[in-house]
Structures are given as structure tokens and as C-alpha cells.
Amino acid sequence: MSTQTLQAPLDPNLMGPASCYVRESRNALLAYEIEELAVLRFSIILTARWESSDREDRAHRAELRGELALLRKHFGDKVDEIAMTFGVDAAMKAKEEVERTVVVPVDAALPGEVRFIEVEESAEGDYGL
């Protein structure tokens, strides 16, 4: 093994036969981390909406503000984790993608609201029981 190979940047194309597996598992792990980031973003948006609702009393709004601060901290920590594992460029792209694509529907239920979901029944609903 040459000194150049040992000192070359860690490139999956230079790693040998296992490089395809390494690349696939790395991409799968990055996708999982981005999904966790999206879940945190969704929670932040929904909690902020609840916190700003007029239906909440002061004590509950203060509790929601505390939870919102904690969620934002977790979001920043997750971006840092992605940066340390996959690089700053990947982390910034993931953050921008999540902030651009994750939305909460305007008609999402606020706390205390009761929503009924209409379920269409089929003729085969008894399953022979």
C-alpha cells in the first residue's frame, strides 16, 4: 500500500469492494437523520401554532413556550450532529430542505378541538365473523 493511498481523502470510490455498501448505508443513515430533523421541524411549527392560540390559558402557554425552546434546541443539535457526521454542506442542505418542505396544514387541530374523521364503510366490513 502506498503512502499516497494512506494519505488520500476518504473517498468511497477508493475504498475497494465494500465501497458500494458503505455508500448505501451512509445514504440510508443520512436519510434517517433528515427524517428526524423533519419530525422536529413539524413539532416546532405545531407547538408554535398552539402557543400562539387564543384558546390556551397563560400557564399552558408558558409550558408550551418552554417546550418550544427545547424543540428548537434539539433541532439545532440535530443539525450539528448531521454536520459532524456527514459534513457541514450536507447539514446545511438538509436544514434548508426540511425548512422548505415541512408544513403543517392550516386546518390542523388545535389543542382542545375535537375533529371527527369520516370513515367510509364497505359492504365487506364483517370479514365473515
C-alpha atoms as a PDB file:
ATOM      1  CA  MET A   1       0.000   0.000   0.000  1.00  0.00           C
ATOM      2  CA  SER A   2       1.441   3.352  -0.982  1.00  0.00           C
ATOM      3  CA  THR A   3       1.768   6.435   1.156  1.00  0.00           C
ATOM      4  CA  GLN A   4      -0.472   8.310  -1.272  1.00  0.00           C
ATOM      5  CA  THR A   5      -3.311   5.872  -0.674  1.00  0.00           C
ATOM      6  CA  LEU A   6      -2.979   6.194   3.069  1.00  0.00           C
ATOM      7  CA  GLN A   7      -2.958   9.985   2.958  1.00  0.00           C
ATOM      8  CA  ALA A   8      -5.687  10.385   0.328  1.00  0.00           C
ATOM      9  CA  PRO A   9      -9.026  11.823   1.449  1.00  0.00           C
ATOM     10  CA  LEU A  10     -11.588   9.237   2.486  1.00  0.00           C
ATOM     11  CA  ASP A  11     -13.341   8.687  -0.811  1.00  0.00           C
ATOM     12  CA  PRO A  12     -15.801   5.774  -1.065  1.00  0.00           C
ATOM     13  CA  ASN A  13     -14.675   5.188  -4.667  1.00  0.00           C
ATOM     14  CA  LEU A  14     -11.135   4.435  -3.479  1.00  0.00           C
ATOM     15  CA  MET A  15     -12.153   2.152  -0.629  1.00  0.00           C
ATOM     16  CA  GLY A  16     -12.463  -1.094  -2.579  1.00  0.00           C
ATOM     17  CA  PRO A  17     -15.205  -3.683  -2.994  1.00  0.00           C
ATOM     18  CA  ALA A  18     -17.113  -2.680   0.141  1.00  0.00           C
ATOM     19  CA  SER A  19     -17.446   0.934  -1.014  1.00  0.00           C
ATOM     20  CA  CYS A  20     -20.919   0.350  -2.521  1.00  0.00           C
ATOM     21  CA  TYR A  21     -22.170  -0.986   0.803  1.00  0.00           C
ATOM     22  CA  VAL A  22     -20.563   1.891   2.700  1.00  0.00           C
ATOM     23  CA  ARG A  23     -22.118   4.450   0.357  1.00  0.00           C
ATOM     24  CA  GLU A  24     -25.578   2.858   0.579  1.00  0.00           C
ATOM     25  CA  SER A  25     -25.529   2.611   4.360  1.00  0.00           C
ATOM     26  CA  ARG A  26     -24.236   6.182   4.631  1.00  0.00           C
ATOM     27  CA  ASN A  27     -27.058   7.444   2.389  1.00  0.00           C
ATOM     28  CA  ALA A  28     -29.625   5.464   4.388  1.00  0.00           C
ATOM     29  CA  LEU A  29     -28.302   6.912   7.645  1.00  0.00           C
ATOM     30  CA  LEU A  30     -28.391  10.449   6.238  1.00  0.00           C
ATOM     31  CA  ALA A  31     -31.993   9.923   5.076  1.00  0.00           C
ATOM     32  CA  TYR A  32     -32.913   8.725   8.583  1.00  0.00           C
ATOM     33  CA  GLU A  33     -31.284  11.785  10.179  1.00  0.00           C
ATOM     34  CA  ILE A  34     -33.101  14.107   7.750  1.00  0.00           C
ATOM     35  CA  GLU A  35     -36.388  12.404   8.631  1.00  0.00           C
ATOM     36  CA  GLU A  36     -35.737  13.014  12.342  1.00  0.00           C
ATOM     37  CA  LEU A  37     -34.960  16.651  11.527  1.00  0.00           C
ATOM     38  CA  ALA A  38     -38.269  16.900   9.649  1.00  0.00           C
ATOM     39  CA  VAL A  39     -40.166  15.475  12.630  1.00  0.00           C
ATOM     40  CA  LEU A  40     -38.579  18.086  14.896  1.00  0.00           C
ATOM     41  CA  ARG A  41     -39.468  20.852  12.427  1.00  0.00           C
ATOM     42  CA  PHE A  42     -43.083  19.649  12.269  1.00  0.00           C
ATOM     43  CA  SER A  43     -43.255  19.609  16.082  1.00  0.00           C
ATOM     44  CA  ILE A  44     -41.804  23.127  16.277  1.00  0.00           C
ATOM     45  CA  ILE A  45     -44.372  24.524  13.826  1.00  0.00           C
ATOM     46  CA  LEU A  46     -47.292  22.788  15.518  1.00  0.00           C
ATOM     47  CA  THR A  47     -46.189  23.764  19.045  1.00  0.00           C
ATOM     48  CA  ALA A  48     -45.680  27.385  17.959  1.00  0.00           C
ATOM     49  CA  ARG A  49     -49.179  27.407  16.497  1.00  0.00           C
ATOM     50  CA  TRP A  50     -50.614  26.031  19.743  1.00  0.00           C
ATOM     51  CA  GLU A  51     -48.617  28.511  21.826  1.00  0.00           C
ATOM     52  CA  SER A  52     -49.989  31.439  19.836  1.00  0.00           C
ATOM     53  CA  SER A  53     -53.576  30.188  20.041  1.00  0.00           C
ATOM     54  CA  ASP A  54     -56.067  32.359  21.926  1.00  0.00           C
ATOM     55  CA  ARG A  55     -57.687  29.238  23.346  1.00  0.00           C
ATOM     56  CA  GLU A  56     -54.829  28.492  25.731  1.00  0.00           C
ATOM     57  CA  ASP A  57     -54.568  29.910  29.226  1.00  0.00           C
ATOM     58  CA  ARG A  58     -51.407  31.651  30.437  1.00  0.00           C
ATOM     59  CA  ALA A  59     -49.998  28.680  32.343  1.00  0.00           C
ATOM     60  CA  HIS A  60     -50.360  26.316  29.426  1.00  0.00           C
ATOM     61  CA  ARG A  61     -48.900  28.860  27.000  1.00  0.00           C
ATOM     62  CA  ALA A  62     -45.862  29.264  29.262  1.00  0.00           C
ATOM     63  CA  GLU A  63     -45.450  25.484  29.305  1.00  0.00           C
ATOM     64  CA  LEU A  64     -45.693  25.406  25.509  1.00  0.00           C
ATOM     65  CA  ARG A  65     -43.064  28.164  25.246  1.00  0.00           C
ATOM     66  CA  GLY A  66     -40.691  26.056  27.329  1.00  0.00           C
ATOM     67  CA  GLU A  67     -41.358  23.017  25.171  1.00  0.00           C
ATOM     68  CA  LEU A  68     -40.866  25.112  22.042  1.00  0.00           C
ATOM     69  CA  ALA A  69     -37.461  26.294  23.278  1.00  0.00           C
ATOM     70  CA  LEU A  70     -36.473  22.687  23.959  1.00  0.00           C
ATOM     71  CA  LEU A  71     -37.609  21.569  20.499  1.00  0.00           C
ATOM     72  CA  ARG A  72     -35.619  24.361  18.853  1.00  0.00           C
ATOM     73  CA  LYS A  73     -32.540  23.323  20.827  1.00  0.00           C
ATOM     74  CA  HIS A  74     -33.000  19.705  19.707  1.00  0.00           C
ATOM     75  CA  PHE A  75     -33.367  20.913  16.106  1.00  0.00           C
ATOM     76  CA  GLY A  76     -30.085  22.813  16.306  1.00  0.00           C
ATOM     77  CA  ASP A  77     -28.379  19.855  17.969  1.00  0.00           C
ATOM     78  CA  LYS A  78     -29.610  17.534  15.199  1.00  0.00           C
ATOM     79  CA  VAL A  79     -28.229  19.901  12.529  1.00  0.00           C
ATOM     80  CA  ASP A  80     -24.890  19.907  14.402  1.00  0.00           C
ATOM     81  CA  GLU A  81     -24.943  16.110  14.606  1.00  0.00           C
ATOM     82  CA  ILE A  82     -25.526  15.839  10.861  1.00  0.00           C
ATOM     83  CA  ALA A  83     -22.692  18.322  10.259  1.00  0.00           C
ATOM     84  CA  MET A  84     -20.278  16.328  12.408  1.00  0.00           C
ATOM     85  CA  THR A  85     -21.221  13.031  10.767  1.00  0.00           C
ATOM     86  CA  PHE A  86     -21.792  13.962   7.125  1.00  0.00           C
ATOM     87  CA  GLY A  87     -20.178  17.382   6.756  1.00  0.00           C
ATOM     88  CA  VAL A  88     -21.350  20.964   7.040  1.00  0.00           C
ATOM     89  CA  ASP A  89     -22.511  21.122   3.438  1.00  0.00           C
ATOM     90  CA  ALA A  90     -24.811  18.109   3.884  1.00  0.00           C
ATOM     91  CA  ALA A  91     -26.174  19.560   7.127  1.00  0.00           C
ATOM     92  CA  MET A  92     -26.972  22.937   5.567  1.00  0.00           C
ATOM     93  CA  LYS A  93     -28.647  21.266   2.574  1.00  0.00           C
ATOM     94  CA  ALA A  94     -30.688  19.051   4.909  1.00  0.00           C
ATOM     95  CA  LYS A  95     -31.727  22.014   7.059  1.00  0.00           C
ATOM     96  CA  GLU A  96     -32.771  24.084   4.034  1.00  0.00           C
ATOM     97  CA  GLU A  97     -34.679  21.160   2.520  1.00  0.00           C
ATOM     98  CA  VAL A  98     -36.553  20.475   5.760  1.00  0.00           C
ATOM     99  CA  GLU A  99     -37.391  24.143   6.341  1.00  0.00           C
ATOM    100  CA  ARG A 100     -38.647  24.443   2.765  1.00  0.00           C
ATOM    101  CA  THR A 101     -40.704  21.253   2.596  1.00  0.00           C
ATOM    102  CA  VAL A 102     -42.148  20.589   6.061  1.00  0.00           C
ATOM    103  CA  VAL A 103     -45.511  22.268   6.551  1.00  0.00           C
ATOM    104  CA  VAL A 104     -48.430  21.836   8.907  1.00  0.00           C
ATOM    105  CA  PRO A 105     -51.858  22.102   7.280  1.00  0.00           C
ATOM    106  CA  VAL A 106     -53.732  25.268   8.184  1.00  0.00           C
ATOM    107  CA  ASP A 107     -56.725  23.233   9.310  1.00  0.00           C
ATOM    108  CA  ALA A 108     -54.680  21.111  11.750  1.00  0.00           C
ATOM    109  CA  ALA A 109     -56.477  20.683  15.062  1.00  0.00           C
ATOM    110  CA  LEU A 110     -55.512  22.915  17.950  1.00  0.00           C
ATOM    111  CA  PRO A 111     -55.476  21.505  21.489  1.00  0.00           C
ATOM    112  CA  GLY A 112     -58.981  21.147  22.847  1.00  0.00           C
ATOM    113  CA  GLU A 113     -60.551  20.895  19.401  1.00  0.00           C
ATOM    114  CA  VAL A 114     -62.416  17.736  18.582  1.00  0.00           C
ATOM    115  CA  ARG A 115     -62.374  16.628  14.982  1.00  0.00           C
ATOM    116  CA  PHE A 116     -64.296  13.713  13.590  1.00  0.00           C
ATOM    117  CA  ILE A 117     -62.899  11.723  10.721  1.00  0.00           C
ATOM    118  CA  GLU A 118     -65.414  10.342   8.280  1.00  0.00           C
ATOM    119  CA  VAL A 119     -64.835   6.687   7.573  1.00  0.00           C
ATOM    120  CA  GLU A 120     -66.392   5.072   4.568  1.00  0.00           C
ATOM    121  CA  GLU A 121     -67.789   1.648   5.399  1.00  0.00           C
ATOM    122  CA  SER A 122     -67.671  -1.095   2.828  1.00  0.00           C
ATOM    123  CA  ALA A 123     -70.115  -3.944   2.326  1.00  0.00           C
ATOM    124  CA  GLU A 124     -67.378  -6.425   3.209  1.00  0.00           C
ATOM    125  CA  GLY A 125     -66.798  -4.960   6.661  1.00  0.00           C
ATOM    126  CA  ASP A 126     -67.755  -8.013   8.723  1.00  0.00           C
ATOM    127  CA  TYR A 127     -64.902 -10.214   7.405  1.00  0.00           C
ATOM    128  CA  GLY A 128     -67.029 -13.335   7.907  1.00  0.00           C
ATOM    129  CA  LEU A 129     -67.259 -13.036  11.686  1.00  0.00           C
END
